[in-house]
Amino acid sequence: MTGLTSFENAAHVMEELIAIHDHLAELYQRLQEFTNPLGALFLEQLSSREKKQSDTLERYEDSAPVKVLRTWIQIHFPDDPDKFLAALECKM
């Protein structure tokens, strides 16, 4: 995974993480129809886990102090997270 190391505020990072977890939850949900019952059960658990992580991040973001959300941090993002996730889907 290539990407740029940049400085982002915590609120932006939270939004990106929420979007990634939501996207993964949807991906695992869609993949269930292409596998056997045991694989579908596993994917259902993964989807549920990703949704819970997304919900937890959203609740934290809603209750976090503004001071925390405005904090600048250095982070390594893929060039385009959506493109990275789409590439994962193509490989399946």
N, C-alpha and C. Protein backbone atom coordinates (compact mmCIF):
# COMPACT_ATOMS: atom_id res chain seq x y z
N MET A 1 0.84 -1.17 0.00
CA MET A 1 0.00 0.00 0.00
C MET A 1 0.89 1.22 0.00
N THR A 2 0.74 2.01 -1.02
CA THR A 2 1.49 3.25 -1.08
C THR A 2 0.64 4.37 -0.52
N GLY A 3 1.25 5.42 -0.18
CA GLY A 3 0.48 6.55 0.33
C GLY A 3 1.40 7.65 0.79
N LEU A 4 0.80 8.67 1.27
CA LEU A 4 1.54 9.83 1.71
C LEU A 4 1.43 9.97 3.21
N THR A 5 2.53 10.29 3.83
CA THR A 5 2.49 10.64 5.24
C THR A 5 2.13 12.11 5.30
N SER A 6 1.07 12.39 6.02
CA SER A 6 0.64 13.77 6.09
C SER A 6 0.17 14.08 7.50
N PHE A 7 -0.13 15.33 7.71
CA PHE A 7 -0.68 15.76 8.98
C PHE A 7 -2.16 16.02 8.78
N GLU A 8 -2.97 15.41 9.61
CA GLU A 8 -4.43 15.57 9.54
C GLU A 8 -4.94 15.82 10.94
N ASN A 9 -6.08 16.47 11.03
CA ASN A 9 -6.65 16.62 12.36
C ASN A 9 -7.40 15.33 12.73
N ALA A 10 -7.55 15.11 14.01
CA ALA A 10 -8.14 13.86 14.49
C ALA A 10 -9.55 13.64 13.96
N ALA A 11 -10.31 14.71 13.79
CA ALA A 11 -11.68 14.58 13.28
C ALA A 11 -11.68 13.98 11.87
N HIS A 12 -10.75 14.43 11.03
CA HIS A 12 -10.66 13.88 9.67
C HIS A 12 -10.27 12.41 9.70
N VAL A 13 -9.32 12.07 10.54
CA VAL A 13 -8.89 10.67 10.66
C VAL A 13 -10.05 9.81 11.12
N MET A 14 -10.82 10.29 12.08
CA MET A 14 -11.99 9.55 12.57
C MET A 14 -12.99 9.31 11.44
N GLU A 15 -13.25 10.34 10.63
CA GLU A 15 -14.19 10.19 9.51
C GLU A 15 -13.70 9.15 8.52
N GLU A 16 -12.42 9.17 8.21
CA GLU A 16 -11.86 8.19 7.28
C GLU A 16 -11.97 6.77 7.86
N LEU A 17 -11.67 6.62 9.13
CA LEU A 17 -11.76 5.30 9.77
C LEU A 17 -13.19 4.79 9.81
N ILE A 18 -14.13 5.66 10.10
CA ILE A 18 -15.54 5.27 10.11
C ILE A 18 -15.96 4.80 8.72
N ALA A 19 -15.56 5.54 7.69
CA ALA A 19 -15.90 5.18 6.31
C ALA A 19 -15.28 3.83 5.92
N ILE A 20 -14.05 3.60 6.33
CA ILE A 20 -13.38 2.34 5.98
C ILE A 20 -14.08 1.17 6.67
N HIS A 21 -14.40 1.31 7.95
CA HIS A 21 -15.08 0.22 8.66
C HIS A 21 -16.47 -0.04 8.07
N ASP A 22 -17.19 1.02 7.70
CA ASP A 22 -18.50 0.84 7.05
C ASP A 22 -18.35 0.11 5.72
N HIS A 23 -17.35 0.51 4.96
CA HIS A 23 -17.12 -0.12 3.65
C HIS A 23 -16.79 -1.61 3.82
N LEU A 24 -15.94 -1.92 4.77
CA LEU A 24 -15.59 -3.32 5.00
C LEU A 24 -16.79 -4.13 5.47
N ALA A 25 -17.63 -3.54 6.32
CA ALA A 25 -18.85 -4.24 6.78
C ALA A 25 -19.74 -4.58 5.59
N GLU A 26 -19.91 -3.63 4.69
CA GLU A 26 -20.72 -3.87 3.49
C GLU A 26 -20.09 -4.93 2.59
N LEU A 27 -18.79 -4.87 2.43
CA LEU A 27 -18.07 -5.85 1.60
C LEU A 27 -18.27 -7.26 2.15
N TYR A 28 -18.04 -7.44 3.45
CA TYR A 28 -18.22 -8.77 4.05
C TYR A 28 -19.65 -9.25 3.92
N GLN A 29 -20.60 -8.33 4.03
CA GLN A 29 -22.02 -8.69 3.89
C GLN A 29 -22.29 -9.20 2.47
N ARG A 30 -21.77 -8.50 1.47
CA ARG A 30 -22.00 -8.91 0.07
C ARG A 30 -21.32 -10.23 -0.25
N LEU A 31 -20.16 -10.49 0.33
CA LEU A 31 -19.43 -11.72 0.03
C LEU A 31 -20.10 -12.97 0.58
N GLN A 32 -21.01 -12.81 1.51
CA GLN A 32 -21.67 -13.97 2.11
C GLN A 32 -22.40 -14.83 1.09
N GLU A 33 -22.93 -14.22 0.05
CA GLU A 33 -23.69 -14.99 -0.93
C GLU A 33 -22.80 -15.86 -1.83
N PHE A 34 -21.49 -15.66 -1.78
CA PHE A 34 -20.58 -16.38 -2.66
C PHE A 34 -19.80 -17.49 -1.96
N THR A 35 -20.22 -17.87 -0.77
CA THR A 35 -19.46 -18.86 -0.02
C THR A 35 -20.38 -19.91 0.60
N ASN A 36 -19.78 -20.89 1.22
CA ASN A 36 -20.55 -21.94 1.88
C ASN A 36 -21.12 -21.42 3.20
N PRO A 37 -22.01 -22.19 3.86
CA PRO A 37 -22.62 -21.71 5.11
C PRO A 37 -21.62 -21.34 6.21
N LEU A 38 -20.55 -22.10 6.35
CA LEU A 38 -19.57 -21.78 7.38
C LEU A 38 -18.84 -20.47 7.04
N GLY A 39 -18.48 -20.32 5.79
CA GLY A 39 -17.84 -19.08 5.35
C GLY A 39 -18.77 -17.89 5.52
N ALA A 40 -20.06 -18.09 5.23
CA ALA A 40 -21.04 -17.01 5.39
C ALA A 40 -21.16 -16.60 6.86
N LEU A 41 -21.12 -17.58 7.75
CA LEU A 41 -21.18 -17.29 9.18
C LEU A 41 -19.96 -16.47 9.62
N PHE A 42 -18.79 -16.86 9.13
CA PHE A 42 -17.56 -16.13 9.44
C PHE A 42 -17.64 -14.69 8.91
N LEU A 43 -18.10 -14.55 7.67
CA LEU A 43 -18.21 -13.21 7.08
C LEU A 43 -19.26 -12.36 7.80
N GLU A 44 -20.32 -12.99 8.28
CA GLU A 44 -21.33 -12.28 9.05
C GLU A 44 -20.73 -11.72 10.34
N GLN A 45 -19.89 -12.53 10.99
CA GLN A 45 -19.22 -12.07 12.21
C GLN A 45 -18.26 -10.91 11.91
N LEU A 46 -17.52 -11.03 10.82
CA LEU A 46 -16.61 -9.94 10.43
C LEU A 46 -17.38 -8.66 10.13
N SER A 47 -18.48 -8.80 9.41
CA SER A 47 -19.30 -7.64 9.08
C SER A 47 -19.84 -6.98 10.35
N SER A 48 -20.32 -7.79 11.26
CA SER A 48 -20.84 -7.27 12.53
C SER A 48 -19.76 -6.56 13.32
N ARG A 49 -18.58 -7.14 13.34
CA ARG A 49 -17.45 -6.53 14.07
C ARG A 49 -17.06 -5.18 13.48
N GLU A 50 -17.01 -5.10 12.15
CA GLU A 50 -16.66 -3.83 11.49
C GLU A 50 -17.73 -2.77 11.77
N LYS A 51 -18.99 -3.17 11.75
CA LYS A 51 -20.07 -2.21 12.02
C LYS A 51 -19.97 -1.71 13.46
N LYS A 52 -19.67 -2.61 14.39
CA LYS A 52 -19.52 -2.20 15.79
C LYS A 52 -18.36 -1.22 15.95
N GLN A 53 -17.27 -1.48 15.24
CA GLN A 53 -16.14 -0.55 15.32
C GLN A 53 -16.52 0.82 14.76
N SER A 54 -17.25 0.82 13.66
CA SER A 54 -17.71 2.08 13.07
C SER A 54 -18.63 2.83 14.05
N ASP A 55 -19.57 2.11 14.63
CA ASP A 55 -20.50 2.73 15.58
C ASP A 55 -19.77 3.28 16.81
N THR A 56 -18.78 2.53 17.29
CA THR A 56 -18.00 2.98 18.45
C THR A 56 -17.25 4.26 18.12
N LEU A 57 -16.63 4.31 16.94
CA LEU A 57 -15.91 5.52 16.53
C LEU A 57 -16.85 6.71 16.39
N GLU A 58 -18.05 6.46 15.85
CA GLU A 58 -19.02 7.54 15.71
C GLU A 58 -19.46 8.07 17.07
N ARG A 59 -19.70 7.18 18.02
CA ARG A 59 -20.09 7.62 19.36
C ARG A 59 -18.96 8.41 20.01
N TYR A 60 -17.73 7.95 19.84
CA TYR A 60 -16.60 8.68 20.40
C TYR A 60 -16.49 10.06 19.76
N GLU A 61 -16.62 10.10 18.46
CA GLU A 61 -16.51 11.38 17.75
C GLU A 61 -17.59 12.36 18.24
N ASP A 62 -18.79 11.86 18.49
CA ASP A 62 -19.88 12.71 18.96
C ASP A 62 -19.63 13.26 20.37
N SER A 63 -18.90 12.49 21.18
CA SER A 63 -18.71 12.91 22.57
C SER A 63 -17.31 13.45 22.87
N ALA A 64 -16.41 13.36 21.92
CA ALA A 64 -15.03 13.81 22.15
C ALA A 64 -14.96 15.33 22.28
N PRO A 65 -14.09 15.79 23.15
CA PRO A 65 -13.90 17.24 23.26
C PRO A 65 -13.38 17.82 21.94
N VAL A 66 -13.83 19.00 21.62
CA VAL A 66 -13.40 19.68 20.39
C VAL A 66 -11.88 19.79 20.35
N LYS A 67 -11.29 20.03 21.50
CA LYS A 67 -9.83 20.16 21.60
C LYS A 67 -9.14 18.89 21.07
N VAL A 68 -9.70 17.73 21.38
CA VAL A 68 -9.13 16.47 20.92
C VAL A 68 -9.31 16.33 19.41
N LEU A 69 -10.51 16.63 18.92
CA LEU A 69 -10.79 16.47 17.50
C LEU A 69 -9.98 17.44 16.63
N ARG A 70 -9.56 18.54 17.19
CA ARG A 70 -8.75 19.51 16.44
C ARG A 70 -7.26 19.21 16.50
N THR A 71 -6.88 18.20 17.25
CA THR A 71 -5.47 17.84 17.38
C THR A 71 -4.93 17.35 16.04
N TRP A 72 -3.76 17.84 15.68
CA TRP A 72 -3.11 17.43 14.44
C TRP A 72 -2.19 16.25 14.72
N ILE A 73 -2.30 15.22 13.88
CA ILE A 73 -1.46 14.03 14.04
C ILE A 73 -0.85 13.67 12.69
N GLN A 74 0.27 12.99 12.76
CA GLN A 74 0.92 12.54 11.53
C GLN A 74 0.43 11.12 11.26
N ILE A 75 -0.03 10.89 10.05
CA ILE A 75 -0.61 9.58 9.71
C ILE A 75 -0.29 9.23 8.27
N HIS A 76 -0.21 7.95 8.01
CA HIS A 76 0.06 7.43 6.67
C HIS A 76 -1.25 6.88 6.10
N PHE A 77 -1.82 7.60 5.15
CA PHE A 77 -3.03 7.16 4.48
C PHE A 77 -2.67 6.57 3.12
N PRO A 78 -3.46 5.60 2.64
CA PRO A 78 -3.29 5.21 1.23
C PRO A 78 -3.57 6.44 0.37
N ASP A 79 -3.05 6.45 -0.86
CA ASP A 79 -3.30 7.58 -1.75
C ASP A 79 -4.79 7.89 -1.83
N ASP A 80 -5.58 6.86 -1.99
CA ASP A 80 -7.04 7.01 -2.06
C ASP A 80 -7.64 5.79 -1.37
N PRO A 81 -8.15 5.93 -0.14
CA PRO A 81 -8.69 4.77 0.58
C PRO A 81 -9.77 4.02 -0.20
N ASP A 82 -10.63 4.75 -0.91
CA ASP A 82 -11.68 4.09 -1.68
C ASP A 82 -11.09 3.24 -2.81
N LYS A 83 -10.06 3.75 -3.45
CA LYS A 83 -9.40 3.00 -4.52
C LYS A 83 -8.74 1.75 -3.95
N PHE A 84 -8.11 1.87 -2.79
CA PHE A 84 -7.48 0.73 -2.13
C PHE A 84 -8.51 -0.35 -1.81
N LEU A 85 -9.65 0.05 -1.24
CA LEU A 85 -10.70 -0.93 -0.92
C LEU A 85 -11.31 -1.54 -2.16
N ALA A 86 -11.48 -0.75 -3.21
CA ALA A 86 -12.01 -1.28 -4.48
C ALA A 86 -11.05 -2.32 -5.07
N ALA A 87 -9.76 -2.08 -4.92
CA ALA A 87 -8.76 -3.05 -5.42
C ALA A 87 -8.88 -4.37 -4.66
N LEU A 88 -9.17 -4.30 -3.38
CA LEU A 88 -9.37 -5.53 -2.60
C LEU A 88 -10.55 -6.31 -3.13
N GLU A 89 -11.62 -5.61 -3.47
CA GLU A 89 -12.80 -6.28 -3.99
C GLU A 89 -12.53 -6.94 -5.34
N CYS A 90 -11.73 -6.31 -6.17
CA CYS A 90 -11.41 -6.86 -7.48
C CYS A 90 -10.63 -8.16 -7.38
N LYS A 91 -9.83 -8.30 -6.32
CA LYS A 91 -9.01 -9.49 -6.17
C LYS A 91 -9.82 -10.68 -5.68
N MET A 92 -11.05 -10.45 -5.26
CA MET A 92 -11.85 -11.55 -4.72
C MET A 92 -12.71 -12.17 -5.77
